[in-house]
PDB file of all heavy atoms in Angstrom:
ATOM      1  N   LYS A   1      -6.210  -4.325   2.208  1.00  0.00           N
ATOM      2  CA  LYS A   1      -7.559  -4.773   1.851  1.00  0.00           C
ATOM      3  C   LYS A   1      -8.127  -4.026   0.650  1.00  0.00           C
ATOM      4  O   LYS A   1      -9.142  -4.449   0.089  1.00  0.00           O
ATOM      5  CB  LYS A   1      -8.489  -4.611   3.053  1.00  0.00           C
ATOM      6  CG  LYS A   1      -8.112  -5.490   4.246  1.00  0.00           C
ATOM      7  CD  LYS A   1      -9.119  -5.327   5.381  1.00  0.00           C
ATOM      8  CE  LYS A   1      -8.765  -6.233   6.552  1.00  0.00           C
ATOM      9  NZ  LYS A   1      -9.729  -6.102   7.678  1.00  0.00           N
ATOM     10  N   LEU A   2      -7.526  -2.912   0.277  1.00  0.00           N
ATOM     11  CA  LEU A   2      -8.025  -2.124  -0.844  1.00  0.00           C
ATOM     12  C   LEU A   2      -7.479  -2.670  -2.161  1.00  0.00           C
ATOM     13  O   LEU A   2      -6.394  -3.254  -2.206  1.00  0.00           O
ATOM     14  CB  LEU A   2      -7.600  -0.659  -0.689  1.00  0.00           C
ATOM     15  CG  LEU A   2      -8.282   0.131   0.431  1.00  0.00           C
ATOM     16  CD1 LEU A   2      -7.550   1.449   0.664  1.00  0.00           C
ATOM     17  CD2 LEU A   2      -9.753   0.384   0.113  1.00  0.00           C
ATOM     18  N   PRO A   3      -8.207  -2.488  -3.267  1.00  0.00           N
ATOM     19  CA  PRO A   3      -7.677  -2.903  -4.571  1.00  0.00           C
ATOM     20  C   PRO A   3      -6.452  -2.089  -4.970  1.00  0.00           C
ATOM     21  O   PRO A   3      -6.206  -1.004  -4.437  1.00  0.00           O
ATOM     22  CB  PRO A   3      -8.853  -2.642  -5.522  1.00  0.00           C
ATOM     23  CG  PRO A   3      -9.728  -1.673  -4.812  1.00  0.00           C
ATOM     24  CD  PRO A   3      -9.561  -1.942  -3.353  1.00  0.00           C
ATOM     25  N   GLN A   4      -5.696  -2.624  -5.928  1.00  0.00           N
ATOM     26  CA  GLN A   4      -4.423  -2.020  -6.317  1.00  0.00           C
ATOM     27  C   GLN A   4      -4.580  -0.573  -6.761  1.00  0.00           C
ATOM     28  O   GLN A   4      -3.745   0.270  -6.458  1.00  0.00           O
ATOM     29  CB  GLN A   4      -3.799  -2.843  -7.455  1.00  0.00           C
ATOM     30  CG  GLN A   4      -2.460  -2.316  -7.958  1.00  0.00           C
ATOM     31  CD  GLN A   4      -1.360  -2.447  -6.941  1.00  0.00           C
ATOM     32  OE1 GLN A   4      -1.427  -3.297  -6.057  1.00  0.00           O
ATOM     33  NE2 GLN A   4      -0.340  -1.605  -7.041  1.00  0.00           N
ATOM     34  N   ASN A   5      -5.657  -0.291  -7.482  1.00  0.00           N
ATOM     35  CA  ASN A   5      -5.837   1.057  -8.027  1.00  0.00           C
ATOM     36  C   ASN A   5      -6.766   1.927  -7.182  1.00  0.00           C
ATOM     37  O   ASN A   5      -7.311   2.909  -7.659  1.00  0.00           O
ATOM     38  CB  ASN A   5      -6.361   0.974  -9.461  1.00  0.00           C
ATOM     39  CG  ASN A   5      -7.727   0.301  -9.531  1.00  0.00           C
ATOM     40  OD1 ASN A   5      -8.167  -0.314  -8.555  1.00  0.00           O
ATOM     41  ND2 ASN A   5      -8.386   0.405 -10.682  1.00  0.00           N
ATOM     42  N   SER A   6      -6.959   1.580  -5.909  1.00  0.00           N
ATOM     43  CA  SER A   6      -7.849   2.360  -5.046  1.00  0.00           C
ATOM     44  C   SER A   6      -7.306   3.766  -4.816  1.00  0.00           C
ATOM     45  O   SER A   6      -6.104   3.952  -4.605  1.00  0.00           O
ATOM     46  CB  SER A   6      -8.015   1.663  -3.696  1.00  0.00           C
ATOM     47  OG  SER A   6      -8.718   2.493  -2.787  1.00  0.00           O
ATOM     48  N   PRO A   7      -8.180   4.778  -4.832  1.00  0.00           N
ATOM     49  CA  PRO A   7      -7.722   6.154  -4.568  1.00  0.00           C
ATOM     50  C   PRO A   7      -7.685   6.507  -3.086  1.00  0.00           C
ATOM     51  O   PRO A   7      -7.457   7.659  -2.743  1.00  0.00           O
ATOM     52  CB  PRO A   7      -8.773   7.000  -5.292  1.00  0.00           C
ATOM     53  CG  PRO A   7     -10.028   6.190  -5.179  1.00  0.00           C
ATOM     54  CD  PRO A   7      -9.599   4.745  -5.244  1.00  0.00           C
ATOM     55  N   TRP A   8      -7.888   5.514  -2.183  1.00  0.00           N
ATOM     56  CA  TRP A   8      -8.044   5.824  -0.762  1.00  0.00           C
ATOM     57  C   TRP A   8      -6.972   5.149   0.095  1.00  0.00           C
ATOM     58  O   TRP A   8      -7.280   4.569   1.129  1.00  0.00           O
ATOM     59  CB  TRP A   8      -9.437   5.407  -0.277  1.00  0.00           C
ATOM     60  CG  TRP A   8     -10.550   6.012  -1.051  1.00  0.00           C
ATOM     61  CD1 TRP A   8     -11.395   5.381  -1.898  1.00  0.00           C
ATOM     62  CD2 TRP A   8     -10.933   7.393  -1.060  1.00  0.00           C
ATOM     63  NE1 TRP A   8     -12.295   6.268  -2.449  1.00  0.00           N
ATOM     64  CE2 TRP A   8     -12.035   7.521  -1.941  1.00  0.00           C
ATOM     65  CE3 TRP A   8     -10.453   8.541  -0.411  1.00  0.00           C
ATOM     66  CZ2 TRP A   8     -12.655   8.735  -2.191  1.00  0.00           C
ATOM     67  CZ3 TRP A   8     -11.077   9.747  -0.659  1.00  0.00           C
ATOM     68  CH2 TRP A   8     -12.162   9.834  -1.531  1.00  0.00           C
ATOM     69  N   LYS A   9      -5.707   5.225  -0.310  1.00  0.00           N
ATOM     70  CA  LYS A   9      -4.636   4.532   0.414  1.00  0.00           C
ATOM     71  C   LYS A   9      -3.943   5.396   1.463  1.00  0.00           C
ATOM     72  O   LYS A   9      -3.091   4.905   2.203  1.00  0.00           O
ATOM     73  CB  LYS A   9      -3.614   3.981  -0.569  1.00  0.00           C
ATOM     74  CG  LYS A   9      -4.174   2.855  -1.424  1.00  0.00           C
ATOM     75  CD  LYS A   9      -3.112   2.208  -2.288  1.00  0.00           C
ATOM     76  CE  LYS A   9      -3.693   1.062  -3.097  1.00  0.00           C
ATOM     77  NZ  LYS A   9      -2.672   0.425  -3.956  1.00  0.00           N
ATOM     78  N   CYS A  10      -4.227   6.677   1.512  1.00  0.00           N
ATOM     79  CA  CYS A  10      -3.801   7.562   2.612  1.00  0.00           C
ATOM     80  C   CYS A  10      -2.301   7.483   2.903  1.00  0.00           C
ATOM     81  O   CYS A  10      -1.892   7.026   3.984  1.00  0.00           O
ATOM     82  CB  CYS A  10      -4.569   7.242   3.897  1.00  0.00           C
ATOM     83  SG  CYS A  10      -6.321   6.889   3.701  1.00  0.00           S
ATOM     84  N   PRO A  11      -1.428   7.900   1.991  1.00  0.00           N
ATOM     85  CA  PRO A  11       0.015   7.755   2.221  1.00  0.00           C
ATOM     86  C   PRO A  11       0.526   8.520   3.438  1.00  0.00           C
ATOM     87  O   PRO A  11       1.431   8.038   4.131  1.00  0.00           O
ATOM     88  CB  PRO A  11       0.635   8.300   0.922  1.00  0.00           C
ATOM     89  CG  PRO A  11      -0.422   9.165   0.310  1.00  0.00           C
ATOM     90  CD  PRO A  11      -1.722   8.524   0.691  1.00  0.00           C
ATOM     91  N   MET A  12      -0.034   9.696   3.719  1.00  0.00           N
ATOM     92  CA  MET A  12       0.431  10.466   4.869  1.00  0.00           C
ATOM     93  C   MET A  12       0.058   9.766   6.177  1.00  0.00           C
ATOM     94  O   MET A  12       0.856   9.713   7.121  1.00  0.00           O
ATOM     95  CB  MET A  12      -0.173  11.872   4.839  1.00  0.00           C
ATOM     96  CG  MET A  12       0.135  12.651   3.582  1.00  0.00           C
ATOM     97  SD  MET A  12       1.891  13.034   3.383  1.00  0.00           S
ATOM     98  CE  MET A  12       2.086  14.302   4.624  1.00  0.00           C
ATOM     99  N   ASP A  13      -1.148   9.219   6.235  1.00  0.00           N
ATOM    100  CA  ASP A  13      -1.572   8.492   7.431  1.00  0.00           C
ATOM    101  C   ASP A  13      -0.783   7.203   7.597  1.00  0.00           C
ATOM    102  O   ASP A  13      -0.518   6.766   8.727  1.00  0.00           O
ATOM    103  CB  ASP A  13      -3.070   8.183   7.352  1.00  0.00           C
ATOM    104  CG  ASP A  13      -3.921   9.430   7.433  1.00  0.00           C
ATOM    105  OD1 ASP A  13      -4.052   9.994   8.526  1.00  0.00           O
ATOM    106  OD2 ASP A  13      -4.440   9.856   6.394  1.00  0.00           O
ATOM    107  N   ALA A  14      -0.397   6.579   6.472  1.00  0.00           N
ATOM    108  CA  ALA A  14       0.393   5.353   6.547  1.00  0.00           C
ATOM    109  C   ALA A  14       1.753   5.609   7.180  1.00  0.00           C
ATOM    110  O   ALA A  14       2.230   4.823   8.011  1.00  0.00           O
ATOM    111  CB  ALA A  14       0.557   4.762   5.145  1.00  0.00           C
ATOM    112  N   VAL A  15       2.393   6.710   6.812  1.00  0.00           N
ATOM    113  CA  VAL A  15       3.688   7.057   7.407  1.00  0.00           C
ATOM    114  C   VAL A  15       3.520   7.351   8.899  1.00  0.00           C
ATOM    115  O   VAL A  15       4.346   6.936   9.728  1.00  0.00           O
ATOM    116  CB  VAL A  15       4.311   8.269   6.674  1.00  0.00           C
ATOM    117  CG1 VAL A  15       5.554   8.761   7.399  1.00  0.00           C
ATOM    118  CG2 VAL A  15       4.657   7.892   5.240  1.00  0.00           C
ATOM    119  N   PHE A  16       2.455   8.054   9.255  1.00  0.00           N
ATOM    120  CA  PHE A  16       2.196   8.361  10.664  1.00  0.00           C
ATOM    121  C   PHE A  16       1.981   7.073  11.464  1.00  0.00           C
ATOM    122  O   PHE A  16       2.493   6.919  12.575  1.00  0.00           O
ATOM    123  CB  PHE A  16       0.963   9.263  10.761  1.00  0.00           C
ATOM    124  CG  PHE A  16       0.674   9.768  12.143  1.00  0.00           C
ATOM    125  CD1 PHE A  16       1.237  10.948  12.596  1.00  0.00           C
ATOM    126  CD2 PHE A  16      -0.168   9.076  13.000  1.00  0.00           C
ATOM    127  CE1 PHE A  16       0.972  11.435  13.870  1.00  0.00           C
ATOM    128  CE2 PHE A  16      -0.446   9.548  14.270  1.00  0.00           C
ATOM    129  CZ  PHE A  16       0.128  10.728  14.708  1.00  0.00           C
ATOM    130  N   PHE A  17       1.226   6.142  10.896  1.00  0.00           N
ATOM    131  CA  PHE A  17       0.986   4.865  11.561  1.00  0.00           C
ATOM    132  C   PHE A  17       2.290   4.088  11.743  1.00  0.00           C
ATOM    133  O   PHE A  17       2.564   3.555  12.828  1.00  0.00           O
ATOM    134  CB  PHE A  17      -0.011   4.052  10.736  1.00  0.00           C
ATOM    135  CG  PHE A  17      -0.128   2.613  11.160  1.00  0.00           C
ATOM    136  CD1 PHE A  17      -0.793   2.263  12.322  1.00  0.00           C
ATOM    137  CD2 PHE A  17       0.430   1.599  10.382  1.00  0.00           C
ATOM    138  CE1 PHE A  17      -0.915   0.936  12.713  1.00  0.00           C
ATOM    139  CE2 PHE A  17       0.322   0.273  10.762  1.00  0.00           C
ATOM    140  CZ  PHE A  17      -0.350  -0.057  11.927  1.00  0.00           C
ATOM    141  N   ASP A  18       3.101   4.019  10.693  1.00  0.00           N
ATOM    142  CA  ASP A  18       4.378   3.308  10.793  1.00  0.00           C
ATOM    143  C   ASP A  18       5.263   3.925  11.871  1.00  0.00           C
ATOM    144  O   ASP A  18       5.941   3.209  12.621  1.00  0.00           O
ATOM    145  CB  ASP A  18       5.103   3.344   9.446  1.00  0.00           C
ATOM    146  CG  ASP A  18       4.396   2.507   8.389  1.00  0.00           C
ATOM    147  OD1 ASP A  18       3.573   1.660   8.767  1.00  0.00           O
ATOM    148  OD2 ASP A  18       4.657   2.721   7.194  1.00  0.00           O
ATOM    149  N   ALA A  19       5.253   5.250  11.956  1.00  0.00           N
ATOM    150  CA  ALA A  19       6.049   5.920  12.988  1.00  0.00           C
ATOM    151  C   ALA A  19       5.544   5.567  14.379  1.00  0.00           C
ATOM    152  O   ALA A  19       6.345   5.382  15.314  1.00  0.00           O
ATOM    153  CB  ALA A  19       6.012   7.434  12.777  1.00  0.00           C
ATOM    154  N   SER A  20       4.219   5.445  14.544  1.00  0.00           N
ATOM    155  CA  SER A  20       3.688   5.088  15.867  1.00  0.00           C
ATOM    156  C   SER A  20       4.099   3.676  16.266  1.00  0.00           C
ATOM    157  O   SER A  20       4.273   3.380  17.454  1.00  0.00           O
ATOM    158  CB  SER A  20       2.160   5.219  15.876  1.00  0.00           C
ATOM    159  OG  SER A  20       1.539   4.150  15.180  1.00  0.00           O
ATOM    160  N   VAL A  21       4.271   2.800  15.273  1.00  0.00           N
ATOM    161  CA  VAL A  21       4.739   1.440  15.555  1.00  0.00           C
ATOM    162  C   VAL A  21       6.217   1.457  15.940  1.00  0.00           C
ATOM    163  O   VAL A  21       6.629   0.859  16.947  1.00  0.00           O
ATOM    164  CB  VAL A  21       4.520   0.530  14.322  1.00  0.00           C
ATOM    165  CG1 VAL A  21       5.152  -0.843  14.564  1.00  0.00           C
ATOM    166  CG2 VAL A  21       3.034   0.388  14.023  1.00  0.00           C
ATOM    167  N   ILE A  22       7.022   2.177  15.148  1.00  0.00           N
ATOM    168  CA  ILE A  22       8.471   2.202  15.373  1.00  0.00           C
ATOM    169  C   ILE A  22       8.808   2.829  16.720  1.00  0.00           C
ATOM    170  O   ILE A  22       9.570   2.269  17.518  1.00  0.00           O
ATOM    171  CB  ILE A  22       9.159   2.978  14.233  1.00  0.00           C
ATOM    172  CG1 ILE A  22       8.991   2.220  12.907  1.00  0.00           C
ATOM    173  CG2 ILE A  22      10.640   3.213  14.542  1.00  0.00           C
ATOM    174  CD1 ILE A  22       9.379   3.034  11.692  1.00  0.00           C
ATOM    175  N   TRP A  23       8.233   3.995  16.988  1.00  0.00           N
ATOM    176  CA  TRP A  23       8.624   4.762  18.168  1.00  0.00           C
ATOM    177  C   TRP A  23       7.735   4.500  19.383  1.00  0.00           C
ATOM    178  O   TRP A  23       8.195   4.656  20.518  1.00  0.00           O
ATOM    179  CB  TRP A  23       8.591   6.255  17.851  1.00  0.00           C
ATOM    180  CG  TRP A  23       9.444   6.634  16.702  1.00  0.00           C
ATOM    181  CD1 TRP A  23       9.038   6.901  15.423  1.00  0.00           C
ATOM    182  CD2 TRP A  23      10.863   6.773  16.697  1.00  0.00           C
ATOM    183  NE1 TRP A  23      10.107   7.201  14.633  1.00  0.00           N
ATOM    184  CE2 TRP A  23      11.254   7.144  15.390  1.00  0.00           C
ATOM    185  CE3 TRP A  23      11.851   6.641  17.672  1.00  0.00           C
ATOM    186  CZ2 TRP A  23      12.571   7.362  15.030  1.00  0.00           C
ATOM    187  CZ3 TRP A  23      13.176   6.863  17.315  1.00  0.00           C
ATOM    188  CH2 TRP A  23      13.521   7.218  16.015  1.00  0.00           C
ATOM    189  N   GLY A  24       6.477   4.119  19.148  1.00  0.00           N
ATOM    190  CA  GLY A  24       5.553   3.946  20.256  1.00  0.00           C
ATOM    191  C   GLY A  24       5.334   2.510  20.657  1.00  0.00           C
ATOM    192  O   GLY A  24       5.615   2.107  21.783  1.00  0.00           O
ATOM    193  N   LEU A  25       4.826   1.695  19.724  1.00  0.00           N
ATOM    194  CA  LEU A  25       4.485   0.313  20.054  1.00  0.00           C
ATOM    195  C   LEU A  25       5.737  -0.528  20.330  1.00  0.00           C
ATOM    196  O   LEU A  25       5.870  -1.141  21.392  1.00  0.00           O
ATOM    197  CB  LEU A  25       3.676  -0.301  18.916  1.00  0.00           C
ATOM    198  CG  LEU A  25       3.203  -1.741  19.133  1.00  0.00           C
ATOM    199  CD1 LEU A  25       2.230  -1.820  20.296  1.00  0.00           C
ATOM    200  CD2 LEU A  25       2.570  -2.295  17.858  1.00  0.00           C
ATOM    201  N   VAL A  26       6.650  -0.563  19.386  1.00  0.00           N
ATOM    202  CA  VAL A  26       7.879  -1.350  19.558  1.00  0.00           C
ATOM    203  C   VAL A  26       8.891  -0.591  20.395  1.00  0.00           C
ATOM    204  O   VAL A  26       9.521  -1.141  21.302  1.00  0.00           O
ATOM    205  CB  VAL A  26       8.461  -1.725  18.179  1.00  0.00           C
ATOM    206  CG1 VAL A  26       9.770  -2.494  18.343  1.00  0.00           C
ATOM    207  CG2 VAL A  26       7.458  -2.548  17.378  1.00  0.00           C
ATOM    208  N   GLY A  27       9.074   0.691  20.102  1.00  0.00           N
ATOM    209  CA  GLY A  27       9.971   1.533  20.889  1.00  0.00           C
ATOM    210  C   GLY A  27      11.351   1.658  20.284  1.00  0.00           C
ATOM    211  O   GLY A  27      11.873   0.711  19.682  1.00  0.00           O
ATOM    212  N   PRO A  28      11.980   2.830  20.412  1.00  0.00           N
ATOM    213  CA  PRO A  28      13.301   3.055  19.814  1.00  0.00           C
ATOM    214  C   PRO A  28      14.394   2.165  20.388  1.00  0.00           C
ATOM    215  O   PRO A  28      15.390   1.894  19.713  1.00  0.00           O
ATOM    216  CB  PRO A  28      13.563   4.535  20.105  1.00  0.00           C
ATOM    217  CG  PRO A  28      12.702   4.869  21.268  1.00  0.00           C
ATOM    218  CD  PRO A  28      11.479   4.021  21.121  1.00  0.00           C
ATOM    219  N   ARG A  29      14.237   1.695  21.631  1.00  0.00           N
ATOM    220  CA  ARG A  29      15.271   0.836  22.210  1.00  0.00           C
ATOM    221  C   ARG A  29      15.407  -0.463  21.412  1.00  0.00           C
ATOM    222  O   ARG A  29      16.508  -0.988  21.255  1.00  0.00           O
ATOM    223  CB  ARG A  29      14.946   0.531  23.669  1.00  0.00           C
ATOM    224  CG  ARG A  29      16.063  -0.187  24.418  1.00  0.00           C
ATOM    225  CD  ARG A  29      15.647  -0.505  25.843  1.00  0.00           C
ATOM    226  NE  ARG A  29      15.305   0.698  26.584  1.00  0.00           N
ATOM    227  CZ  ARG A  29      16.211   1.493  27.170  1.00  0.00           C
ATOM    228  NH1 ARG A  29      17.491   1.200  27.088  1.00  0.00           N
ATOM    229  NH2 ARG A  29      15.814   2.563  27.821  1.00  0.00           N
ATOM    230  N   ARG A  30      14.283  -0.981  20.890  1.00  0.00           N
ATOM    231  CA  ARG A  30      14.319  -2.231  20.135  1.00  0.00           C
ATOM    232  C   ARG A  30      14.696  -2.020  18.672  1.00  0.00           C
ATOM    233  O   ARG A  30      14.909  -3.000  17.946  1.00  0.00           O
ATOM    234  CB  ARG A  30      12.955  -2.928  20.199  1.00  0.00           C
ATOM    235  CG  ARG A  30      12.597  -3.474  21.573  1.00  0.00           C
ATOM    236  CD  ARG A  30      11.309  -4.289  21.493  1.00  0.00           C
ATOM    237  NE  ARG A  30      10.993  -4.903  22.771  1.00  0.00           N
ATOM    238  CZ  ARG A  30      10.267  -4.318  23.713  1.00  0.00           C
ATOM    239  NH1 ARG A  30       9.792  -3.089  23.502  1.00  0.00           N
ATOM    240  NH2 ARG A  30      10.018  -4.936  24.852  1.00  0.00           N
ATOM    241  N   ILE A  31      14.721  -0.773  18.211  1.00  0.00           N
ATOM    242  CA  ILE A  31      15.036  -0.508  16.809  1.00  0.00           C
ATOM    243  C   ILE A  31      16.331   0.285  16.659  1.00  0.00           C
ATOM    244  O   ILE A  31      17.227  -0.106  15.908  1.00  0.00           O
ATOM    245  CB  ILE A  31      13.861   0.223  16.125  1.00  0.00           C
ATOM    246  CG1 ILE A  31      12.635  -0.704  16.107  1.00  0.00           C
ATOM    247  CG2 ILE A  31      14.230   0.652  14.706  1.00  0.00           C
ATOM    248  CD1 ILE A  31      11.420  -0.135  15.434  1.00  0.00           C
ATOM    249  N   PHE A  32      16.455   1.401  17.418  1.00  0.00           N
ATOM    250  CA  PHE A  32      17.650   2.242  17.316  1.00  0.00           C
ATOM    251  C   PHE A  32      18.537   2.161  18.556  1.00  0.00           C
ATOM    252  O   PHE A  32      19.577   2.815  18.610  1.00  0.00           O
ATOM    253  CB  PHE A  32      17.242   3.708  17.089  1.00  0.00           C
ATOM    254  CG  PHE A  32      16.533   3.938  15.786  1.00  0.00           C
ATOM    255  CD1 PHE A  32      15.165   4.124  15.743  1.00  0.00           C
ATOM    256  CD2 PHE A  32      17.230   3.949  14.587  1.00  0.00           C
ATOM    257  CE1 PHE A  32      14.497   4.332  14.545  1.00  0.00           C
ATOM    258  CE2 PHE A  32      16.581   4.155  13.381  1.00  0.00           C
ATOM    259  CZ  PHE A  32      15.206   4.341  13.361  1.00  0.00           C
ATOM    260  N   GLY A  33      18.126   1.385  19.550  1.00  0.00           N
ATOM    261  CA  GLY A  33      18.896   1.289  20.787  1.00  0.00           C
ATOM    262  C   GLY A  33      19.747   0.040  20.850  1.00  0.00           C
ATOM    263  O   GLY A  33      20.045  -0.600  19.832  1.00  0.00           O
ATOM    264  N   ASN A  34      20.110  -0.349  22.073  1.00  0.00           N
ATOM    265  CA  ASN A  34      21.006  -1.487  22.246  1.00  0.00           C
ATOM    266  C   ASN A  34      20.343  -2.821  21.929  1.00  0.00           C
ATOM    267  O   ASN A  34      21.023  -3.843  21.816  1.00  0.00           O
ATOM    268  CB  ASN A  34      21.563  -1.501  23.679  1.00  0.00           C
ATOM    269  CG  ASN A  34      20.454  -1.494  24.729  1.00  0.00           C
ATOM    270  OD1 ASN A  34      19.273  -1.392  24.388  1.00  0.00           O
ATOM    271  ND2 ASN A  34      20.819  -1.599  25.992  1.00  0.00           N
ATOM    272  N   LEU A  35      19.005  -2.831  21.776  1.00  0.00           N
ATOM    273  CA  LEU A  35      18.308  -4.062  21.428  1.00  0.00           C
ATOM    274  C   LEU A  35      17.989  -4.147  19.939  1.00  0.00           C
ATOM    275  O   LEU A  35      17.410  -5.137  19.484  1.00  0.00           O
ATOM    276  CB  LEU A  35      16.997  -4.173  22.235  1.00  0.00           C
ATOM    277  CG  LEU A  35      17.122  -4.176  23.761  1.00  0.00           C
ATOM    278  CD1 LEU A  35      15.743  -4.240  24.404  1.00  0.00           C
ATOM    279  CD2 LEU A  35      17.986  -5.343  24.229  1.00  0.00           C
ATOM    280  N   GLY A  36      18.326  -3.136  19.173  1.00  0.00           N
ATOM    281  CA  GLY A  36      17.972  -3.095  17.756  1.00  0.00           C
ATOM    282  C   GLY A  36      19.186  -3.093  16.863  1.00  0.00           C
ATOM    283  O   GLY A  36      20.325  -2.889  17.300  1.00  0.00           O
ATOM    284  N   GLU A  37      18.931  -3.302  15.564  1.00  0.00           N
ATOM    285  CA  GLU A  37      20.033  -3.385  14.613  1.00  0.00           C
ATOM    286  C   GLU A  37      20.349  -2.048  13.941  1.00  0.00           C
ATOM    287  O   GLU A  37      21.292  -1.971  13.159  1.00  0.00           O
ATOM    288  CB  GLU A  37      19.703  -4.418  13.537  1.00  0.00           C
ATOM    289  CG  GLU A  37      18.476  -4.102  12.697  1.00  0.00           C
ATOM    290  CD  GLU A  37      18.264  -5.144  11.608  1.00  0.00           C
ATOM    291  OE1 GLU A  37      19.061  -5.136  10.641  1.00  0.00           O
ATOM    292  OE2 GLU A  37      17.333  -5.954  11.728  1.00  0.00           O
ATOM    293  N   TYR A  38      19.567  -0.990  14.237  1.00  0.00           N
ATOM    294  CA  TYR A  38      19.801   0.304  13.583  1.00  0.00           C
ATOM    295  C   TYR A  38      20.473   1.306  14.517  1.00  0.00           C
ATOM    296  O   TYR A  38      20.329   2.511  14.344  1.00  0.00           O
ATOM    297  CB  TYR A  38      18.467   0.879  13.080  1.00  0.00           C
ATOM    298  CG  TYR A  38      17.766  -0.003  12.078  1.00  0.00           C
ATOM    299  CD1 TYR A  38      16.736  -0.854  12.478  1.00  0.00           C
ATOM    300  CD2 TYR A  38      18.145  -0.005  10.741  1.00  0.00           C
ATOM    301  CE1 TYR A  38      16.087  -1.675  11.571  1.00  0.00           C
ATOM    302  CE2 TYR A  38      17.495  -0.821   9.824  1.00  0.00           C
ATOM    303  CZ  TYR A  38      16.473  -1.665  10.244  1.00  0.00           C
ATOM    304  OH  TYR A  38      15.846  -2.478   9.336  1.00  0.00           O
ATOM    305  N   GLY A  39      21.222   0.813  15.503  1.00  0.00           N
ATOM    306  CA  GLY A  39      21.837   1.691  16.493  1.00  0.00           C
ATOM    307  C   GLY A  39      22.833   2.678  15.921  1.00  0.00           C
ATOM    308  O   GLY A  39      22.988   3.789  16.427  1.00  0.00           O
ATOM    309  N   MET A  40      23.522   2.299  14.850  1.00  0.00           N
ATOM    310  CA  MET A  40      24.531   3.190  14.269  1.00  0.00           C
ATOM    311  C   MET A  40      23.920   4.467  13.705  1.00  0.00           C
ATOM    312  O   MET A  40      24.624   5.462  13.519  1.00  0.00           O
ATOM    313  CB  MET A  40      25.293   2.449  13.163  1.00  0.00           C
ATOM    314  CG  MET A  40      26.102   1.256  13.658  1.00  0.00           C
ATOM    315  SD  MET A  40      27.401   1.748  14.824  1.00  0.00           S
ATOM    316  CE  MET A  40      28.501   2.640  13.721  1.00  0.00           C
ATOM    317  N   VAL A  41      22.605   4.445  13.444  1.00  0.00           N
ATOM    318  CA  VAL A  41      21.942   5.637  12.903  1.00  0.00           C
ATOM    319  C   VAL A  41      22.024   6.801  13.888  1.00  0.00           C
ATOM    320  O   VAL A  41      21.980   7.970  13.493  1.00  0.00           O
ATOM    321  CB  VAL A  41      20.479   5.304  12.545  1.00  0.00           C
ATOM    322  CG1 VAL A  41      19.715   6.545  12.098  1.00  0.00           C
ATOM    323  CG2 VAL A  41      20.431   4.251  11.446  1.00  0.00           C
ATOM    324  N   ASN A  42      22.194   6.502  15.183  1.00  0.00           N
ATOM    325  CA  ASN A  42      22.276   7.569  16.185  1.00  0.00           C
ATOM    326  C   ASN A  42      23.484   8.479  15.989  1.00  0.00           C
ATOM    327  O   ASN A  42      23.504   9.604  16.498  1.00  0.00           O
ATOM    328  CB  ASN A  42      22.319   6.961  17.590  1.00  0.00           C
ATOM    329  CG  ASN A  42      20.988   6.360  17.998  1.00  0.00           C
ATOM    330  OD1 ASN A  42      20.014   7.069  18.194  1.00  0.00           O
ATOM    331  ND2 ASN A  42      20.940   5.039  18.113  1.00  0.00           N
ATOM    332  N   TRP A  43      24.493   8.007  15.267  1.00  0.00           N
ATOM    333  CA  TRP A  43      25.664   8.856  15.011  1.00  0.00           C
ATOM    334  C   TRP A  43      25.326  10.061  14.145  1.00  0.00           C
ATOM    335  O   TRP A  43      26.098  11.018  14.065  1.00  0.00           O
ATOM    336  CB  TRP A  43      26.773   8.029  14.366  1.00  0.00           C
ATOM    337  CG  TRP A  43      27.477   7.133  15.351  1.00  0.00           C
ATOM    338  CD1 TRP A  43      27.309   5.802  15.539  1.00  0.00           C
ATOM    339  CD2 TRP A  43      28.462   7.549  16.312  1.00  0.00           C
ATOM    340  NE1 TRP A  43      28.119   5.332  16.546  1.00  0.00           N
ATOM    341  CE2 TRP A  43      28.852   6.392  17.045  1.00  0.00           C
ATOM    342  CE3 TRP A  43      29.054   8.763  16.638  1.00  0.00           C
ATOM    343  CZ2 TRP A  43      29.788   6.425  18.063  1.00  0.00           C
ATOM    344  CZ3 TRP A  43      29.996   8.802  17.654  1.00  0.00           C
ATOM    345  CH2 TRP A  43      30.353   7.645  18.350  1.00  0.00           C
ATOM    346  N   PHE A  44      24.156  10.026  13.489  1.00  0.00           N
ATOM    347  CA  PHE A  44      23.743  11.186  12.705  1.00  0.00           C
ATOM    348  C   PHE A  44      23.564  12.418  13.594  1.00  0.00           C
ATOM    349  O   PHE A  44      23.741  13.547  13.126  1.00  0.00           O
ATOM    350  CB  PHE A  44      22.441  10.888  11.959  1.00  0.00           C
ATOM    351  CG  PHE A  44      22.625  10.128  10.676  1.00  0.00           C
ATOM    352  CD1 PHE A  44      22.725   8.740  10.671  1.00  0.00           C
ATOM    353  CD2 PHE A  44      22.687  10.795   9.465  1.00  0.00           C
ATOM    354  CE1 PHE A  44      22.879   8.034   9.491  1.00  0.00           C
ATOM    355  CE2 PHE A  44      22.845  10.108   8.271  1.00  0.00           C
ATOM    356  CZ  PHE A  44      22.943   8.721   8.289  1.00  0.00           C
ATOM    357  N   PHE A  45      23.188  12.225  14.856  1.00  0.00           N
ATOM    358  CA  PHE A  45      23.076  13.369  15.765  1.00  0.00           C
ATOM    359  C   PHE A  45      24.405  14.129  15.831  1.00  0.00           C
ATOM    360  O   PHE A  45      24.441  15.365  15.746  1.00  0.00           O
ATOM    361  CB  PHE A  45      22.689  12.896  17.170  1.00  0.00           C
ATOM    362  CG  PHE A  45      21.229  12.639  17.363  1.00  0.00           C
ATOM    363  CD1 PHE A  45      20.774  11.362  17.652  1.00  0.00           C
ATOM    364  CD2 PHE A  45      20.298  13.661  17.262  1.00  0.00           C
ATOM    365  CE1 PHE A  45      19.424  11.110  17.849  1.00  0.00           C
ATOM    366  CE2 PHE A  45      18.943  13.422  17.448  1.00  0.00           C
ATOM    367  CZ  PHE A  45      18.506  12.140  17.741  1.00  0.00           C
ATOM    368  N   ALA A  46      25.493  13.391  16.007  1.00  0.00           N
ATOM    369  CA  ALA A  46      26.816  14.025  16.103  1.00  0.00           C
ATOM    370  C   ALA A  46      27.210  14.682  14.790  1.00  0.00           C
ATOM    371  O   ALA A  46      27.734  15.806  14.763  1.00  0.00           O
ATOM    372  CB  ALA A  46      27.852  12.983  16.516  1.00  0.00           C
TER     373      ALA A  46
END
């Protein structure tokens, strides 16, 4: 909703919000688990 050159876009809060969607609202099972397409990313743990 803000104009292109607005100084109030809050990049740090935007990343935090996106993380709450990925891990909280949708959940890792639908993104990084057996229901999601990014499951191979879990191999980074190993």
